Amino acid sequence: MPIYAFICKSCGPFDIVRPVAQASEAPGLALLARPMRRVLDLEEKSAHEPDVATKKRGRPLPHRHAPTPPWVLEH
């Protein structure tokens, strides 16, 4: 069961223990979309154990031609 930590300006810090099924009842808690949750989990993990890249991943960027410098005359 998750423990939610809160700070009250008048009472000070306190914790609430709730089952995951009741997460929507806790103030300010909402379920995140799966891609966002995956990114946040990866970011949190990399803060403590950075992954070492061993190979390139993803698609290459499209090739872009450099703009013509202003001193070159075109026809």
N, C-alpha and C. Protein backbone atom coordinates (compact mmCIF):
# COMPACT_ATOMS: atom_id res chain seq x y z
N MET A 1 0.85 -1.18 0.00
CA MET A 1 0.00 0.00 0.00
C MET A 1 0.89 1.24 0.00
N PRO A 2 0.58 2.18 -0.87
CA PRO A 2 1.39 3.40 -0.94
C PRO A 2 1.16 4.30 0.28
N ILE A 3 2.21 5.01 0.61
CA ILE A 3 2.15 6.01 1.67
C ILE A 3 2.28 7.38 1.02
N TYR A 4 1.33 8.24 1.25
CA TYR A 4 1.34 9.59 0.68
C TYR A 4 1.74 10.57 1.77
N ALA A 5 2.78 11.34 1.51
CA ALA A 5 3.28 12.31 2.48
C ALA A 5 2.73 13.70 2.16
N PHE A 6 2.21 14.39 3.15
CA PHE A 6 1.65 15.72 3.00
C PHE A 6 2.24 16.64 4.06
N ILE A 7 2.14 17.93 3.80
CA ILE A 7 2.55 18.93 4.80
C ILE A 7 1.41 19.93 4.95
N CYS A 8 0.93 20.06 6.16
CA CYS A 8 -0.13 21.02 6.48
C CYS A 8 0.54 22.25 7.09
N LYS A 9 0.12 23.43 6.65
CA LYS A 9 0.73 24.67 7.17
C LYS A 9 0.49 24.83 8.67
N SER A 10 -0.64 24.35 9.18
CA SER A 10 -0.92 24.52 10.61
C SER A 10 -0.55 23.29 11.45
N CYS A 11 -0.67 22.08 10.90
CA CYS A 11 -0.40 20.85 11.66
C CYS A 11 1.01 20.30 11.47
N GLY A 12 1.62 20.60 10.33
CA GLY A 12 2.94 20.04 10.03
C GLY A 12 2.83 18.82 9.12
N PRO A 13 3.91 18.03 9.02
CA PRO A 13 3.90 16.87 8.11
C PRO A 13 3.06 15.71 8.66
N PHE A 14 2.42 14.97 7.73
CA PHE A 14 1.68 13.77 8.10
C PHE A 14 1.63 12.84 6.89
N ASP A 15 1.38 11.56 7.14
CA ASP A 15 1.30 10.54 6.09
C ASP A 15 -0.10 9.95 6.05
N ILE A 16 -0.52 9.54 4.86
CA ILE A 16 -1.77 8.83 4.68
C ILE A 16 -1.45 7.53 3.95
N VAL A 17 -1.94 6.42 4.48
CA VAL A 17 -1.76 5.11 3.85
C VAL A 17 -3.08 4.74 3.21
N ARG A 18 -3.06 4.50 1.88
CA ARG A 18 -4.27 4.13 1.16
C ARG A 18 -3.97 3.02 0.17
N PRO A 19 -4.92 2.12 -0.03
CA PRO A 19 -4.75 1.13 -1.09
C PRO A 19 -4.73 1.83 -2.46
N VAL A 20 -4.09 1.21 -3.43
CA VAL A 20 -4.02 1.79 -4.77
C VAL A 20 -5.42 2.01 -5.34
N ALA A 21 -6.35 1.14 -5.00
CA ALA A 21 -7.72 1.27 -5.50
C ALA A 21 -8.37 2.57 -5.05
N GLN A 22 -7.88 3.19 -3.98
CA GLN A 22 -8.45 4.43 -3.47
C GLN A 22 -7.59 5.65 -3.83
N ALA A 23 -6.68 5.51 -4.77
CA ALA A 23 -5.77 6.61 -5.11
C ALA A 23 -6.53 7.85 -5.58
N SER A 24 -7.65 7.66 -6.26
CA SER A 24 -8.40 8.81 -6.75
C SER A 24 -9.04 9.62 -5.62
N GLU A 25 -9.17 9.03 -4.43
CA GLU A 25 -9.76 9.74 -3.30
C GLU A 25 -8.75 10.63 -2.58
N ALA A 26 -7.47 10.38 -2.79
CA ALA A 26 -6.44 11.20 -2.14
C ALA A 26 -6.34 12.53 -2.88
N PRO A 27 -6.16 13.62 -2.16
CA PRO A 27 -6.13 14.93 -2.82
C PRO A 27 -4.91 15.08 -3.73
N GLY A 28 -5.17 15.64 -4.91
CA GLY A 28 -4.09 15.94 -5.84
C GLY A 28 -3.48 14.75 -6.53
N LEU A 29 -4.09 13.58 -6.44
CA LEU A 29 -3.53 12.39 -7.07
C LEU A 29 -4.39 12.00 -8.27
N ALA A 30 -3.73 11.68 -9.33
CA ALA A 30 -4.44 11.22 -10.53
C ALA A 30 -3.54 10.23 -11.25
N LEU A 31 -4.15 9.36 -12.00
CA LEU A 31 -3.38 8.40 -12.78
C LEU A 31 -2.81 9.09 -14.01
N LEU A 32 -1.56 8.80 -14.31
CA LEU A 32 -0.91 9.38 -15.47
C LEU A 32 -1.06 8.44 -16.66
N ALA A 33 -0.97 9.01 -17.84
CA ALA A 33 -0.96 8.19 -19.04
C ALA A 33 0.29 7.31 -19.02
N ARG A 34 0.20 6.13 -19.58
CA ARG A 34 1.30 5.17 -19.52
C ARG A 34 2.62 5.72 -20.07
N PRO A 35 2.63 6.41 -21.24
CA PRO A 35 3.91 6.95 -21.72
C PRO A 35 4.53 7.96 -20.75
N MET A 36 3.72 8.80 -20.13
CA MET A 36 4.24 9.79 -19.18
C MET A 36 4.78 9.10 -17.93
N ARG A 37 4.08 8.09 -17.45
CA ARG A 37 4.53 7.35 -16.28
C ARG A 37 5.87 6.67 -16.57
N ARG A 38 6.02 6.10 -17.78
CA ARG A 38 7.26 5.42 -18.16
C ARG A 38 8.42 6.42 -18.18
N VAL A 39 8.19 7.62 -18.72
CA VAL A 39 9.24 8.65 -18.78
C VAL A 39 9.62 9.09 -17.37
N LEU A 40 8.65 9.32 -16.51
CA LEU A 40 8.95 9.74 -15.14
C LEU A 40 9.69 8.65 -14.37
N ASP A 41 9.30 7.40 -14.56
CA ASP A 41 10.00 6.29 -13.89
C ASP A 41 11.44 6.20 -14.38
N LEU A 42 11.66 6.36 -15.68
CA LEU A 42 13.01 6.31 -16.24
C LEU A 42 13.85 7.47 -15.71
N GLU A 43 13.25 8.66 -15.64
CA GLU A 43 13.96 9.83 -15.13
C GLU A 43 14.36 9.62 -13.66
N GLU A 44 13.46 9.09 -12.87
CA GLU A 44 13.75 8.85 -11.46
C GLU A 44 14.85 7.81 -11.29
N LYS A 45 14.78 6.74 -12.09
CA LYS A 45 15.80 5.69 -12.01
C LYS A 45 17.17 6.24 -12.42
N SER A 46 17.20 7.04 -13.48
CA SER A 46 18.49 7.53 -13.99
C SER A 46 19.14 8.51 -13.03
N ALA A 47 18.40 9.07 -12.09
CA ALA A 47 19.00 9.97 -11.11
C ALA A 47 19.93 9.21 -10.17
N HIS A 48 19.63 7.93 -9.95
CA HIS A 48 20.43 7.12 -9.03
C HIS A 48 21.36 6.15 -9.74
N GLU A 49 20.91 5.58 -10.87
CA GLU A 49 21.69 4.61 -11.63
C GLU A 49 21.62 4.96 -13.11
N PRO A 50 22.43 5.89 -13.59
CA PRO A 50 22.35 6.25 -15.01
C PRO A 50 22.63 5.05 -15.91
N ASP A 51 21.84 4.91 -16.97
CA ASP A 51 22.07 3.85 -17.95
C ASP A 51 23.24 4.23 -18.84
N VAL A 52 24.03 3.24 -19.21
CA VAL A 52 25.14 3.47 -20.12
C VAL A 52 24.70 3.04 -21.51
N ALA A 53 24.77 3.94 -22.48
CA ALA A 53 24.38 3.63 -23.85
C ALA A 53 25.48 2.81 -24.50
N THR A 54 25.11 1.65 -25.05
CA THR A 54 26.09 0.80 -25.72
C THR A 54 25.91 0.80 -27.22
N LYS A 55 24.77 1.30 -27.71
CA LYS A 55 24.55 1.39 -29.15
C LYS A 55 23.55 2.50 -29.44
N LYS A 56 23.56 2.94 -30.70
CA LYS A 56 22.62 4.00 -31.10
C LYS A 56 21.22 3.43 -31.19
N ARG A 57 20.25 4.23 -30.82
CA ARG A 57 18.85 3.80 -30.89
C ARG A 57 18.03 4.89 -31.56
N GLY A 58 16.88 4.50 -32.06
CA GLY A 58 15.98 5.47 -32.68
C GLY A 58 16.28 5.67 -34.15
N ARG A 59 15.50 6.55 -34.75
CA ARG A 59 15.65 6.83 -36.18
C ARG A 59 16.63 7.97 -36.38
N PRO A 60 17.37 7.96 -37.49
CA PRO A 60 18.26 9.07 -37.77
C PRO A 60 17.46 10.32 -38.13
N LEU A 61 18.03 11.48 -37.87
CA LEU A 61 17.38 12.73 -38.24
C LEU A 61 17.41 12.89 -39.75
N PRO A 62 16.38 13.53 -40.33
CA PRO A 62 16.40 13.74 -41.78
C PRO A 62 17.55 14.68 -42.16
N HIS A 63 18.13 14.42 -43.32
CA HIS A 63 19.24 15.25 -43.80
C HIS A 63 18.68 16.60 -44.24
N ARG A 64 19.29 17.65 -43.78
CA ARG A 64 18.85 19.00 -44.15
C ARG A 64 20.01 19.73 -44.79
N HIS A 65 19.73 20.37 -45.89
CA HIS A 65 20.76 21.16 -46.57
C HIS A 65 20.91 22.49 -45.84
N ALA A 66 22.14 22.91 -45.71
CA ALA A 66 22.40 24.20 -45.06
C ALA A 66 21.86 25.31 -45.96
N PRO A 67 21.33 26.37 -45.39
CA PRO A 67 20.84 27.48 -46.21
C PRO A 67 22.00 28.13 -46.95
N THR A 68 21.70 28.70 -48.09
CA THR A 68 22.72 29.36 -48.90
C THR A 68 23.14 30.64 -48.20
N PRO A 69 24.46 30.83 -48.02
CA PRO A 69 24.94 32.06 -47.38
C PRO A 69 24.52 33.29 -48.19
N PRO A 70 24.32 34.42 -47.55
CA PRO A 70 23.82 35.62 -48.25
C PRO A 70 24.80 36.17 -49.29
N TRP A 71 26.08 35.85 -49.20
CA TRP A 71 27.05 36.38 -50.16
C TRP A 71 27.13 35.56 -51.45
N VAL A 72 26.41 34.41 -51.52
CA VAL A 72 26.41 33.58 -52.74
C VAL A 72 25.22 33.98 -53.58
N LEU A 73 25.49 34.30 -54.84
CA LEU A 73 24.41 34.68 -55.76
C LEU A 73 23.82 33.43 -56.39
N GLU A 74 22.53 33.37 -56.46
CA GLU A 74 21.86 32.24 -57.10
C GLU A 74 21.23 32.68 -58.39
N HIS A 75 21.02 31.73 -59.28
CA HIS A 75 20.39 32.04 -60.57
C HIS A 75 18.91 31.85 -60.50
